[in-house]
């Protein structure tokens, strides 16, 4: 009897090993998904080497990347003309423009087959600013409560161990920090003194001279002057939770947060999916912000989405800063 049980157990292990080999080396697109998702996390990019060589990883990343639009944002294109209409170009345009009189924002549910999340339309971009945490350990909800913010989303990427924001951070037209590095393309993402979303690859001095008042460094830039970036494969960042900030030509700002890693059945989204949503809602300029377990949306001191980390943890991460509406 003991020999029979042992034989069954060994056969089970063999079956598991064979199944794993089939998934890793035979199932289409698994290699792309595993490598790009692992590498995009930064902290856990070594996961990619569990099954694949450095040469495999390099090949996959070459075939999965974002080719950004090589243009400066035309700041004068933003008109700030977004009055309610009697008719709309699409159901998506109606969702944005049909709002209560005097509304500061509108929350729109995003639901597709593999992912779900939220889009927030902000009608007065002058009410948007960058808020920073007072100390390492503050969640988005804590930052929003401290600032008395109506709406808040996460902003910078950051060093989890030490808590500082990666890349440049500008607040009130001053460079307040510049540590670590930005590894996702893009550049400075923020608002000018005229409340236009500026995306620039220039340094902080150049950006401030052009009127930048608040900004963080991240990317990639997904849309510039109405032109979407070219996405090869899944964009090289896999499928995960995402946060995006965008502005329409009529001045309305869009906060987009998509859940992932199984939160409420949402698998997450890649760069192609983000551009699809942003194009539907007429984003004219748009940039990817920190994602994964950092993707968080708070409205009126209530956590709206479902943050989910790499290991399935579902609590709010401590953040260095946030985009808030107040």
C-alpha atoms as a PDB file:
ATOM      1  CA  UNK A   1       0.000   0.000   0.000  1.00  0.00           C
ATOM      2  CA  UNK A   2       2.806   2.441   0.940  1.00  0.00           C
ATOM      3  CA  UNK A   3       4.574   1.665  -2.358  1.00  0.00           C
ATOM      4  CA  UNK A   4       1.368   2.314  -4.297  1.00  0.00           C
ATOM      5  CA  UNK A   5       0.837   5.697  -2.590  1.00  0.00           C
ATOM      6  CA  UNK A   6       4.448   6.646  -3.265  1.00  0.00           C
ATOM      7  CA  UNK A   7       4.075   5.666  -6.924  1.00  0.00           C
ATOM      8  CA  UNK A   8       0.922   7.767  -7.246  1.00  0.00           C
ATOM      9  CA  UNK A   9       2.638  10.736  -5.574  1.00  0.00           C
ATOM     10  CA  UNK A  10       5.678  10.515  -7.866  1.00  0.00           C
ATOM     11  CA  UNK A  11       3.417  10.219 -10.890  1.00  0.00           C
ATOM     12  CA  UNK A  12       1.584  13.327  -9.717  1.00  0.00           C
ATOM     13  CA  UNK A  13       4.880  15.246  -9.436  1.00  0.00           C
ATOM     14  CA  UNK A  14       5.868  14.099 -12.925  1.00  0.00           C
ATOM     15  CA  UNK A  15       2.529  15.297 -14.270  1.00  0.00           C
ATOM     16  CA  UNK A  16       2.996  18.689 -12.597  1.00  0.00           C
ATOM     17  CA  UNK A  17       6.502  19.010 -14.029  1.00  0.00           C
ATOM     18  CA  UNK A  18       5.325  18.103 -17.533  1.00  0.00           C
ATOM     19  CA  UNK A  19       2.433  20.563 -17.268  1.00  0.00           C
ATOM     20  CA  UNK A  20       4.799  23.326 -16.168  1.00  0.00           C
ATOM     21  CA  UNK A  21       7.154  22.634 -19.061  1.00  0.00           C
ATOM     22  CA  UNK A  22       4.247  22.737 -21.514  1.00  0.00           C
ATOM     23  CA  UNK A  23       3.019  26.048 -20.122  1.00  0.00           C
ATOM     24  CA  UNK A  24       6.455  27.684 -20.035  1.00  0.00           C
ATOM     25  CA  UNK A  25       7.764  26.522 -23.401  1.00  0.00           C
ATOM     26  CA  UNK A  26       4.720  25.574 -25.493  1.00  0.00           C
ATOM     27  CA  UNK A  27       1.722  27.760 -24.547  1.00  0.00           C
ATOM     28  CA  UNK A  28       1.608  30.747 -26.943  1.00  0.00           C
ATOM     29  CA  UNK A  29       2.334  34.176 -25.435  1.00  0.00           C
ATOM     30  CA  UNK A  30       3.235  32.826 -21.981  1.00  0.00           C
ATOM     31  CA  UNK A  31       6.867  33.822 -22.462  1.00  0.00           C
ATOM     32  CA  UNK A  32       5.888  37.376 -23.461  1.00  0.00           C
ATOM     33  CA  UNK A  33       3.473  37.712 -20.550  1.00  0.00           C
ATOM     34  CA  UNK A  34       5.837  36.261 -17.939  1.00  0.00           C
ATOM     35  CA  UNK A  35       8.920  38.246 -18.940  1.00  0.00           C
ATOM     36  CA  UNK A  36       7.258  41.625 -19.527  1.00  0.00           C
ATOM     37  CA  UNK A  37       5.143  41.408 -16.376  1.00  0.00           C
ATOM     38  CA  UNK A  38       8.135  40.364 -14.263  1.00  0.00           C
ATOM     39  CA  UNK A  39      10.452  43.028 -15.629  1.00  0.00           C
ATOM     40  CA  UNK A  40       7.853  45.786 -15.264  1.00  0.00           C
ATOM     41  CA  UNK A  41       7.648  45.236 -11.496  1.00  0.00           C
ATOM     42  CA  UNK A  42      11.268  46.304 -11.043  1.00  0.00           C
ATOM     43  CA  UNK A  43      11.590  44.730  -7.617  1.00  0.00           C
ATOM     44  CA  UNK A  44      10.697  41.261  -8.898  1.00  0.00           C
ATOM     45  CA  UNK A  45      12.250  41.356 -12.371  1.00  0.00           C
ATOM     46  CA  UNK A  46      14.432  38.381 -11.401  1.00  0.00           C
ATOM     47  CA  UNK A  47      11.273  36.260 -11.814  1.00  0.00           C
ATOM     48  CA  UNK A  48      11.912  36.385 -15.567  1.00  0.00           C
ATOM     49  CA  UNK A  49      15.175  34.431 -15.137  1.00  0.00           C
ATOM     50  CA  UNK A  50      13.438  31.545 -13.396  1.00  0.00           C
ATOM     51  CA  UNK A  51      12.470  30.052 -16.744  1.00  0.00           C
ATOM     52  CA  UNK A  52      14.272  32.084 -19.377  1.00  0.00           C
ATOM     53  CA  UNK A  53      17.794  33.169 -20.290  1.00  0.00           C
ATOM     54  CA  UNK A  54      19.068  36.727 -20.624  1.00  0.00           C
ATOM     55  CA  UNK A  55      18.973  36.283 -24.401  1.00  0.00           C
ATOM     56  CA  UNK A  56      15.280  35.263 -24.238  1.00  0.00           C
ATOM     57  CA  UNK A  57      14.486  38.252 -22.059  1.00  0.00           C
ATOM     58  CA  UNK A  58      16.302  40.669 -24.377  1.00  0.00           C
ATOM     59  CA  UNK A  59      14.466  39.301 -27.418  1.00  0.00           C
ATOM     60  CA  UNK A  60      11.054  39.549 -25.764  1.00  0.00           C
ATOM     61  CA  UNK A  61      11.651  43.109 -24.563  1.00  0.00           C
ATOM     62  CA  UNK A  62      12.821  44.142 -28.030  1.00  0.00           C
ATOM     63  CA  UNK A  63       9.568  42.810 -29.497  1.00  0.00           C
ATOM     64  CA  UNK A  64       7.416  44.362 -26.775  1.00  0.00           C
ATOM     65  CA  UNK A  65       7.957  48.082 -26.303  1.00  0.00           C
ATOM     66  CA  UNK A  66       6.346  51.497 -26.549  1.00  0.00           C
ATOM     67  CA  UNK A  67       7.565  53.816 -29.296  1.00  0.00           C
ATOM     68  CA  UNK A  68       6.555  57.256 -28.044  1.00  0.00           C
ATOM     69  CA  UNK A  69       5.564  60.193 -30.239  1.00  0.00           C
ATOM     70  CA  UNK A  70       8.637  62.380 -30.738  1.00  0.00           C
ATOM     71  CA  UNK A  71       6.916  65.739 -30.289  1.00  0.00           C
ATOM     72  CA  UNK A  72       6.576  68.405 -27.640  1.00  0.00           C
ATOM     73  CA  UNK A  73       3.063  68.927 -26.286  1.00  0.00           C
ATOM     74  CA  UNK A  74       1.400  71.866 -28.037  1.00  0.00           C
ATOM     75  CA  UNK A  75       0.147  73.736 -24.963  1.00  0.00           C
ATOM     76  CA  UNK A  76      -1.987  76.105 -27.040  1.00  0.00           C
ATOM     77  CA  UNK A  77      -4.146  73.245 -28.362  1.00  0.00           C
ATOM     78  CA  UNK A  78      -6.053  72.956 -25.071  1.00  0.00           C
ATOM     79  CA  UNK A  79      -9.162  75.165 -25.365  1.00  0.00           C
ATOM     80  CA  UNK A  80     -11.022  74.650 -22.042  1.00  0.00           C
ATOM     81  CA  UNK A  81     -14.325  74.619 -23.937  1.00  0.00           C
ATOM     82  CA  UNK A  82     -16.338  71.762 -22.443  1.00  0.00           C
ATOM     83  CA  UNK A  83     -19.914  72.919 -22.055  1.00  0.00           C
ATOM     84  CA  UNK A  84     -22.799  70.441 -22.029  1.00  0.00           C
ATOM     85  CA  UNK A  85     -24.232  69.648 -25.459  1.00  0.00           C
ATOM     86  CA  UNK A  86     -27.564  68.647 -26.954  1.00  0.00           C
ATOM     87  CA  UNK A  87     -25.881  65.845 -28.911  1.00  0.00           C
ATOM     88  CA  UNK A  88     -22.641  63.907 -28.551  1.00  0.00           C
ATOM     89  CA  UNK A  89     -20.130  62.253 -30.848  1.00  0.00           C
ATOM     90  CA  UNK A  90     -20.334  58.935 -28.974  1.00  0.00           C
ATOM     91  CA  UNK A  91     -21.647  57.326 -25.816  1.00  0.00           C
ATOM     92  CA  UNK A  92     -18.188  57.855 -24.310  1.00  0.00           C
ATOM     93  CA  UNK A  93     -18.274  61.572 -25.066  1.00  0.00           C
ATOM     94  CA  UNK A  94     -21.719  61.742 -23.491  1.00  0.00           C
ATOM     95  CA  UNK A  95     -20.438  59.998 -20.366  1.00  0.00           C
ATOM     96  CA  UNK A  96     -17.824  62.738 -19.979  1.00  0.00           C
ATOM     97  CA  UNK A  97     -19.820  65.843 -20.930  1.00  0.00           C
ATOM     98  CA  UNK A  98     -23.264  65.018 -19.521  1.00  0.00           C
ATOM     99  CA  UNK A  99     -22.925  66.036 -15.890  1.00  0.00           C
ATOM    100  CA  UNK A 100     -24.749  67.894 -13.153  1.00  0.00           C
ATOM    101  CA  UNK A 101     -24.494  71.664 -13.211  1.00  0.00           C
ATOM    102  CA  UNK A 102     -21.467  72.832 -11.246  1.00  0.00           C
ATOM    103  CA  UNK A 103     -20.011  69.319 -10.941  1.00  0.00           C
ATOM    104  CA  UNK A 104     -16.319  69.208 -10.069  1.00  0.00           C
ATOM    105  CA  UNK A 105     -15.888  65.599 -11.215  1.00  0.00           C
ATOM    106  CA  UNK A 106     -17.731  62.541 -12.505  1.00  0.00           C
ATOM    107  CA  UNK A 107     -16.931  58.891 -11.747  1.00  0.00           C
ATOM    108  CA  UNK A 108     -17.328  56.450 -14.643  1.00  0.00           C
ATOM    109  CA  UNK A 109     -17.128  52.666 -14.269  1.00  0.00           C
ATOM    110  CA  UNK A 110     -14.864  50.864 -16.740  1.00  0.00           C
ATOM    111  CA  UNK A 111     -15.791  47.234 -17.329  1.00  0.00           C
ATOM    112  CA  UNK A 112     -14.463  44.913 -20.020  1.00  0.00           C
ATOM    113  CA  UNK A 113     -14.107  41.148 -20.292  1.00  0.00           C
ATOM    114  CA  UNK A 114     -10.698  40.879 -18.605  1.00  0.00           C
ATOM    115  CA  UNK A 115     -10.416  44.075 -16.600  1.00  0.00           C
ATOM    116  CA  UNK A 116     -12.331  46.674 -14.658  1.00  0.00           C
ATOM    117  CA  UNK A 117     -11.613  50.005 -13.053  1.00  0.00           C
ATOM    118  CA  UNK A 118     -12.643  53.636 -12.928  1.00  0.00           C
ATOM    119  CA  UNK A 119     -12.324  56.817 -14.948  1.00  0.00           C
ATOM    120  CA  UNK A 120     -12.728  60.174 -13.220  1.00  0.00           C
ATOM    121  CA  UNK A 121     -13.417  63.269 -15.327  1.00  0.00           C
ATOM    122  CA  UNK A 122     -12.139  66.448 -13.648  1.00  0.00           C
ATOM    123  CA  UNK A 123     -13.898  69.521 -15.062  1.00  0.00           C
ATOM    124  CA  UNK A 124     -11.746  72.213 -13.452  1.00  0.00           C
ATOM    125  CA  UNK A 125      -8.028  71.400 -13.840  1.00  0.00           C
ATOM    126  CA  UNK A 126      -7.094  74.461 -11.761  1.00  0.00           C
ATOM    127  CA  UNK A 127      -8.210  72.392  -8.765  1.00  0.00           C
ATOM    128  CA  UNK A 128      -5.556  69.727  -9.437  1.00  0.00           C
ATOM    129  CA  UNK A 129      -2.263  69.813  -7.582  1.00  0.00           C
ATOM    130  CA  UNK A 130       0.519  67.526  -6.425  1.00  0.00           C
ATOM    131  CA  UNK A 131       0.420  66.541  -2.757  1.00  0.00           C
ATOM    132  CA  UNK A 132       3.361  64.959  -0.955  1.00  0.00           C
ATOM    133  CA  UNK A 133       3.379  62.673   2.064  1.00  0.00           C
ATOM    134  CA  UNK A 134       4.619  64.118   5.361  1.00  0.00           C
ATOM    135  CA  UNK A 135       6.597  60.959   6.097  1.00  0.00           C
ATOM    136  CA  UNK A 136       7.215  57.546   4.586  1.00  0.00           C
ATOM    137  CA  UNK A 137       4.251  55.344   5.369  1.00  0.00           C
ATOM    138  CA  UNK A 138       1.323  57.518   4.364  1.00  0.00           C
ATOM    139  CA  UNK A 139      -1.245  55.839   2.138  1.00  0.00           C
ATOM    140  CA  UNK A 140      -3.223  57.673  -0.537  1.00  0.00           C
ATOM    141  CA  UNK A 141      -6.204  57.820   1.794  1.00  0.00           C
ATOM    142  CA  UNK A 142      -4.045  59.422   4.502  1.00  0.00           C
ATOM    143  CA  UNK A 143      -2.625  61.971   2.043  1.00  0.00           C
ATOM    144  CA  UNK A 144      -6.110  62.790   0.737  1.00  0.00           C
ATOM    145  CA  UNK A 145      -7.519  63.205   4.241  1.00  0.00           C
ATOM    146  CA  UNK A 146      -4.611  65.444   5.266  1.00  0.00           C
ATOM    147  CA  UNK A 147      -5.074  67.643   2.183  1.00  0.00           C
ATOM    148  CA  UNK A 148      -8.892  67.591   2.363  1.00  0.00           C
ATOM    149  CA  UNK A 149      -8.879  66.319  -1.212  1.00  0.00           C
ATOM    150  CA  UNK A 150     -12.076  65.402  -3.021  1.00  0.00           C
ATOM    151  CA  UNK A 151     -10.333  63.047  -5.476  1.00  0.00           C
ATOM    152  CA  UNK A 152      -6.841  61.521  -5.367  1.00  0.00           C
ATOM    153  CA  UNK A 153      -4.732  59.061  -7.344  1.00  0.00           C
ATOM    154  CA  UNK A 154      -1.173  57.808  -6.896  1.00  0.00           C
ATOM    155  CA  UNK A 155       1.607  59.563  -8.831  1.00  0.00           C
ATOM    156  CA  UNK A 156       5.381  58.845  -8.637  1.00  0.00           C
ATOM    157  CA  UNK A 157       7.117  55.528  -8.675  1.00  0.00           C
ATOM    158  CA  UNK A 158       9.250  55.092  -5.592  1.00  0.00           C
ATOM    159  CA  UNK A 159      11.901  53.149  -3.745  1.00  0.00           C
ATOM    160  CA  UNK A 160       9.878  50.830  -1.517  1.00  0.00           C
ATOM    161  CA  UNK A 161      12.704  50.218   0.936  1.00  0.00           C
ATOM    162  CA  UNK A 162      13.560  53.883   1.523  1.00  0.00           C
ATOM    163  CA  UNK A 163      10.332  55.586   0.521  1.00  0.00           C
ATOM    164  CA  UNK A 164      11.657  58.317  -1.769  1.00  0.00           C
ATOM    165  CA  UNK A 165      10.057  59.139  -5.114  1.00  0.00           C
ATOM    166  CA  UNK A 166      11.969  57.944  -8.153  1.00  0.00           C
ATOM    167  CA  UNK A 167      12.945  60.673 -10.588  1.00  0.00           C
ATOM    168  CA  UNK A 168      12.241  64.390 -10.543  1.00  0.00           C
ATOM    169  CA  UNK A 169       9.400  65.898  -8.528  1.00  0.00           C
ATOM    170  CA  UNK A 170       8.298  69.517  -9.030  1.00  0.00           C
ATOM    171  CA  UNK A 171       5.909  71.327  -6.696  1.00  0.00           C
ATOM    172  CA  UNK A 172       4.898  74.984  -6.882  1.00  0.00           C
ATOM    173  CA  UNK A 173       7.412  75.515  -9.716  1.00  0.00           C
ATOM    174  CA  UNK A 174      10.355  74.231  -7.649  1.00  0.00           C
ATOM    175  CA  UNK A 175      12.312  70.993  -7.930  1.00  0.00           C
ATOM    176  CA  UNK A 176      11.766  69.412  -4.506  1.00  0.00           C
ATOM    177  CA  UNK A 177      13.461  66.038  -5.094  1.00  0.00           C
ATOM    178  CA  UNK A 178      15.437  64.126  -7.689  1.00  0.00           C
ATOM    179  CA  UNK A 179      16.474  60.680  -6.499  1.00  0.00           C
ATOM    180  CA  UNK A 180      16.622  57.243  -8.033  1.00  0.00           C
ATOM    181  CA  UNK A 181      15.731  56.956 -11.691  1.00  0.00           C
ATOM    182  CA  UNK A 182      12.825  56.665 -14.086  1.00  0.00           C
ATOM    183  CA  UNK A 183      12.899  53.345 -15.939  1.00  0.00           C
ATOM    184  CA  UNK A 184       9.643  53.528 -17.887  1.00  0.00           C
ATOM    185  CA  UNK A 185      10.376  56.048 -20.627  1.00  0.00           C
ATOM    186  CA  UNK A 186       8.305  59.197 -20.687  1.00  0.00           C
ATOM    187  CA  UNK A 187       9.662  62.071 -18.605  1.00  0.00           C
ATOM    188  CA  UNK A 188       8.100  64.865 -16.575  1.00  0.00           C
ATOM    189  CA  UNK A 189       4.315  64.625 -16.283  1.00  0.00           C
ATOM    190  CA  UNK A 190       2.447  67.542 -14.762  1.00  0.00           C
ATOM    191  CA  UNK A 191       0.532  70.794 -15.024  1.00  0.00           C
ATOM    192  CA  UNK A 192       1.545  74.268 -16.088  1.00  0.00           C
ATOM    193  CA  UNK A 193       0.480  77.477 -14.399  1.00  0.00           C
ATOM    194  CA  UNK A 194      -2.248  77.644 -17.073  1.00  0.00           C
ATOM    195  CA  UNK A 195      -3.549  74.189 -16.009  1.00  0.00           C
ATOM    196  CA  UNK A 196      -2.436  72.376 -19.152  1.00  0.00           C
ATOM    197  CA  UNK A 197      -1.059  68.855 -18.825  1.00  0.00           C
ATOM    198  CA  UNK A 198       2.559  69.050 -19.996  1.00  0.00           C
ATOM    199  CA  UNK A 199       4.567  65.964 -20.944  1.00  0.00           C
ATOM    200  CA  UNK A 200       8.223  66.664 -21.564  1.00  0.00           C
ATOM    201  CA  UNK A 201      11.525  64.835 -21.788  1.00  0.00           C
ATOM    202  CA  UNK A 202      13.373  67.984 -20.777  1.00  0.00           C
ATOM    203  CA  UNK A 203      14.960  68.570 -17.387  1.00  0.00           C
ATOM    204  CA  UNK A 204      13.332  70.378 -14.468  1.00  0.00           C
ATOM    205  CA  UNK A 205      14.915  73.761 -15.269  1.00  0.00           C
ATOM    206  CA  UNK A 206      13.588  73.651 -18.829  1.00  0.00           C
ATOM    207  CA  UNK A 207      10.149  72.508 -17.700  1.00  0.00           C
ATOM    208  CA  UNK A 208       9.813  75.205 -15.034  1.00  0.00           C
ATOM    209  CA  UNK A 209      10.923  77.853 -17.528  1.00  0.00           C
ATOM    210  CA  UNK A 210       8.006  76.755 -19.739  1.00  0.00           C
ATOM    211  CA  UNK A 211       5.541  77.185 -16.888  1.00  0.00           C
ATOM    212  CA  UNK A 212       5.497  73.783 -15.174  1.00  0.00           C
ATOM    213  CA  UNK A 213       4.116  74.145 -11.630  1.00  0.00           C
ATOM    214  CA  UNK A 214       3.632  70.527 -10.444  1.00  0.00           C
ATOM    215  CA  UNK A 215       5.103  67.366 -11.959  1.00  0.00           C
ATOM    216  CA  UNK A 216       6.441  63.863 -11.376  1.00  0.00           C
ATOM    217  CA  UNK A 217       8.692  61.796 -13.596  1.00  0.00           C
ATOM    218  CA  UNK A 218       7.208  58.655 -15.120  1.00  0.00           C
ATOM    219  CA  UNK A 219       5.988  57.101 -18.361  1.00  0.00           C
ATOM    220  CA  UNK A 220       5.686  56.031 -21.023  1.00  0.00           C
ATOM    221  CA  UNK A 221       3.872  58.872 -22.740  1.00  0.00           C
ATOM    222  CA  UNK A 222       0.849  57.196 -24.334  1.00  0.00           C
ATOM    223  CA  UNK A 223      -0.650  60.061 -26.355  1.00  0.00           C
ATOM    224  CA  UNK A 224       0.938  63.326 -27.505  1.00  0.00           C
ATOM    225  CA  UNK A 225      -1.102  66.009 -29.335  1.00  0.00           C
ATOM    226  CA  UNK A 226      -3.813  63.465 -30.060  1.00  0.00           C
ATOM    227  CA  UNK A 227      -1.378  60.936 -31.563  1.00  0.00           C
ATOM    228  CA  UNK A 228      -1.138  57.561 -29.793  1.00  0.00           C
ATOM    229  CA  UNK A 229       2.215  55.897 -29.249  1.00  0.00           C
ATOM    230  CA  UNK A 230       3.059  52.815 -31.299  1.00  0.00           C
ATOM    231  CA  UNK A 231       2.755  49.704 -29.156  1.00  0.00           C
ATOM    232  CA  UNK A 232       4.839  46.685 -30.136  1.00  0.00           C
ATOM    233  CA  UNK A 233       3.432  43.508 -28.600  1.00  0.00           C
ATOM    234  CA  UNK A 234       2.053  44.368 -25.167  1.00  0.00           C
ATOM    235  CA  UNK A 235       4.314  47.390 -24.761  1.00  0.00           C
ATOM    236  CA  UNK A 236       6.945  45.621 -22.669  1.00  0.00           C
ATOM    237  CA  UNK A 237       5.246  46.208 -19.341  1.00  0.00           C
ATOM    238  CA  UNK A 238       2.981  43.189 -19.291  1.00  0.00           C
ATOM    239  CA  UNK A 239      -0.531  43.114 -17.875  1.00  0.00           C
ATOM    240  CA  UNK A 240      -1.079  44.705 -14.487  1.00  0.00           C
ATOM    241  CA  UNK A 241      -2.903  47.324 -12.451  1.00  0.00           C
ATOM    242  CA  UNK A 242      -2.492  50.754 -14.060  1.00  0.00           C
ATOM    243  CA  UNK A 243      -2.865  54.448 -13.270  1.00  0.00           C
ATOM    244  CA  UNK A 244      -2.969  57.066 -16.042  1.00  0.00           C
ATOM    245  CA  UNK A 245      -3.377  60.834 -16.117  1.00  0.00           C
ATOM    246  CA  UNK A 246      -4.658  62.510 -19.290  1.00  0.00           C
ATOM    247  CA  UNK A 247      -6.250  65.662 -20.629  1.00  0.00           C
ATOM    248  CA  UNK A 248      -8.744  66.140 -23.406  1.00  0.00           C
ATOM    249  CA  UNK A 249      -8.462  68.960 -25.925  1.00  0.00           C
ATOM    250  CA  UNK A 250     -11.370  70.682 -24.147  1.00  0.00           C
ATOM    251  CA  UNK A 251      -9.314  70.820 -20.946  1.00  0.00           C
ATOM    252  CA  UNK A 252     -11.096  68.079 -19.019  1.00  0.00           C
ATOM    253  CA  UNK A 253      -8.572  65.965 -17.100  1.00  0.00           C
ATOM    254  CA  UNK A 254      -8.960  62.188 -16.864  1.00  0.00           C
ATOM    255  CA  UNK A 255      -7.783  60.038 -13.951  1.00  0.00           C
ATOM    256  CA  UNK A 256      -7.824  56.374 -15.028  1.00  0.00           C
ATOM    257  CA  UNK A 257      -7.254  53.530 -12.566  1.00  0.00           C
ATOM    258  CA  UNK A 258      -7.527  49.884 -13.665  1.00  0.00           C
ATOM    259  CA  UNK A 259      -7.433  47.047 -11.126  1.00  0.00           C
ATOM    260  CA  UNK A 260      -5.377  43.913 -11.697  1.00  0.00           C
ATOM    261  CA  UNK A 261      -3.882  40.703 -10.336  1.00  0.00           C
ATOM    262  CA  UNK A 262      -7.292  39.184  -9.770  1.00  0.00           C
ATOM    263  CA  UNK A 263      -8.913  42.014  -7.798  1.00  0.00           C
ATOM    264  CA  UNK A 264     -12.669  41.552  -8.310  1.00  0.00           C
ATOM    265  CA  UNK A 265     -11.862  39.322 -11.284  1.00  0.00           C
ATOM    266  CA  UNK A 266      -9.809  41.999 -13.066  1.00  0.00           C
ATOM    267  CA  UNK A 267      -6.629  40.625 -14.646  1.00  0.00           C
ATOM    268  CA  UNK A 268      -5.178  44.053 -15.357  1.00  0.00           C
ATOM    269  CA  UNK A 269      -4.401  45.808 -18.621  1.00  0.00           C
ATOM    270  CA  UNK A 270      -1.474  46.370 -20.981  1.00  0.00           C
ATOM    271  CA  UNK A 271      -0.455  49.494 -22.895  1.00  0.00           C
ATOM    272  CA  UNK A 272      -2.677  48.607 -25.866  1.00  0.00           C
ATOM    273  CA  UNK A 273      -5.715  48.439 -23.610  1.00  0.00           C
ATOM    274  CA  UNK A 274      -4.912  51.777 -22.008  1.00  0.00           C
ATOM    275  CA  UNK A 275      -4.677  53.537 -25.361  1.00  0.00           C
ATOM    276  CA  UNK A 276      -7.968  51.936 -26.417  1.00  0.00           C
ATOM    277  CA  UNK A 277      -9.760  53.407 -23.399  1.00  0.00           C
ATOM    278  CA  UNK A 278      -8.032  56.782 -23.662  1.00  0.00           C
ATOM    279  CA  UNK A 279      -8.859  57.093 -27.359  1.00  0.00           C
ATOM    280  CA  UNK A 280     -12.536  56.336 -26.674  1.00  0.00           C
ATOM    281  CA  UNK A 281     -12.668  59.195 -24.206  1.00  0.00           C
ATOM    282  CA  UNK A 282     -10.753  61.608 -26.483  1.00  0.00           C
ATOM    283  CA  UNK A 283      -7.580  61.963 -24.449  1.00  0.00           C
ATOM    284  CA  UNK A 284      -5.321  64.452 -26.247  1.00  0.00           C
ATOM    285  CA  UNK A 285      -2.258  64.014 -24.031  1.00  0.00           C
ATOM    286  CA  UNK A 286      -1.772  61.070 -21.692  1.00  0.00           C
ATOM    287  CA  UNK A 287       0.937  59.434 -19.600  1.00  0.00           C
ATOM    288  CA  UNK A 288       1.244  56.224 -17.658  1.00  0.00           C
ATOM    289  CA  UNK A 289       1.930  56.623 -13.920  1.00  0.00           C
ATOM    290  CA  UNK A 290       3.095  54.123 -11.311  1.00  0.00           C
ATOM    291  CA  UNK A 291       1.033  50.940 -11.433  1.00  0.00           C
ATOM    292  CA  UNK A 292       0.865  47.505  -9.852  1.00  0.00           C
ATOM    293  CA  UNK A 293       0.025  47.540  -6.173  1.00  0.00           C
ATOM    294  CA  UNK A 294       0.388  51.332  -6.145  1.00  0.00           C
ATOM    295  CA  UNK A 295      -2.640  51.970  -8.381  1.00  0.00           C
ATOM    296  CA  UNK A 296      -5.146  53.597  -6.055  1.00  0.00           C
ATOM    297  CA  UNK A 297      -8.179  55.872  -6.298  1.00  0.00           C
ATOM    298  CA  UNK A 298      -9.708  57.710  -3.334  1.00  0.00           C
ATOM    299  CA  UNK A 299     -12.839  59.882  -3.494  1.00  0.00           C
ATOM    300  CA  UNK A 300     -14.188  61.766  -0.481  1.00  0.00           C
ATOM    301  CA  UNK A 301     -11.899  59.796   1.843  1.00  0.00           C
ATOM    302  CA  UNK A 302     -13.236  56.481   0.507  1.00  0.00           C
ATOM    303  CA  UNK A 303     -11.050  53.903  -1.223  1.00  0.00           C
ATOM    304  CA  UNK A 304     -12.825  53.314  -4.544  1.00  0.00           C
ATOM    305  CA  UNK A 305     -10.762  50.656  -6.298  1.00  0.00           C
ATOM    306  CA  UNK A 306      -9.083  47.442  -5.138  1.00  0.00           C
ATOM    307  CA  UNK A 307      -5.278  47.783  -4.855  1.00  0.00           C
ATOM    308  CA  UNK A 308      -3.573  44.426  -5.311  1.00  0.00           C
ATOM    309  CA  UNK A 309       0.155  43.771  -4.950  1.00  0.00           C
ATOM    310  CA  UNK A 310       2.333  41.197  -6.669  1.00  0.00           C
ATOM    311  CA  UNK A 311       1.762  38.601  -3.941  1.00  0.00           C
ATOM    312  CA  UNK A 312      -1.984  39.219  -3.710  1.00  0.00           C
ATOM    313  CA  UNK A 313      -1.728  41.705  -0.823  1.00  0.00           C
ATOM    314  CA  UNK A 314      -4.733  44.014  -0.895  1.00  0.00           C
ATOM    315  CA  UNK A 315      -3.796  46.925   1.327  1.00  0.00           C
ATOM    316  CA  UNK A 316      -2.831  50.459   0.364  1.00  0.00           C
ATOM    317  CA  UNK A 317       0.866  51.004  -0.187  1.00  0.00           C
ATOM    318  CA  UNK A 318       2.701  53.910   1.404  1.00  0.00           C
ATOM    319  CA  UNK A 319       3.200  56.554  -1.299  1.00  0.00           C
ATOM    320  CA  UNK A 320       5.560  59.513  -1.691  1.00  0.00           C
ATOM    321  CA  UNK A 321       3.007  61.747  -3.450  1.00  0.00           C
ATOM    322  CA  UNK A 322      -0.345  61.929  -5.210  1.00  0.00           C
ATOM    323  CA  UNK A 323      -2.374  63.921  -7.697  1.00  0.00           C
ATOM    324  CA  UNK A 324      -5.282  65.449  -5.822  1.00  0.00           C
ATOM    325  CA  UNK A 325      -8.354  67.564  -6.575  1.00  0.00           C
ATOM    326  CA  UNK A 326      -9.450  70.021  -3.901  1.00  0.00           C
END
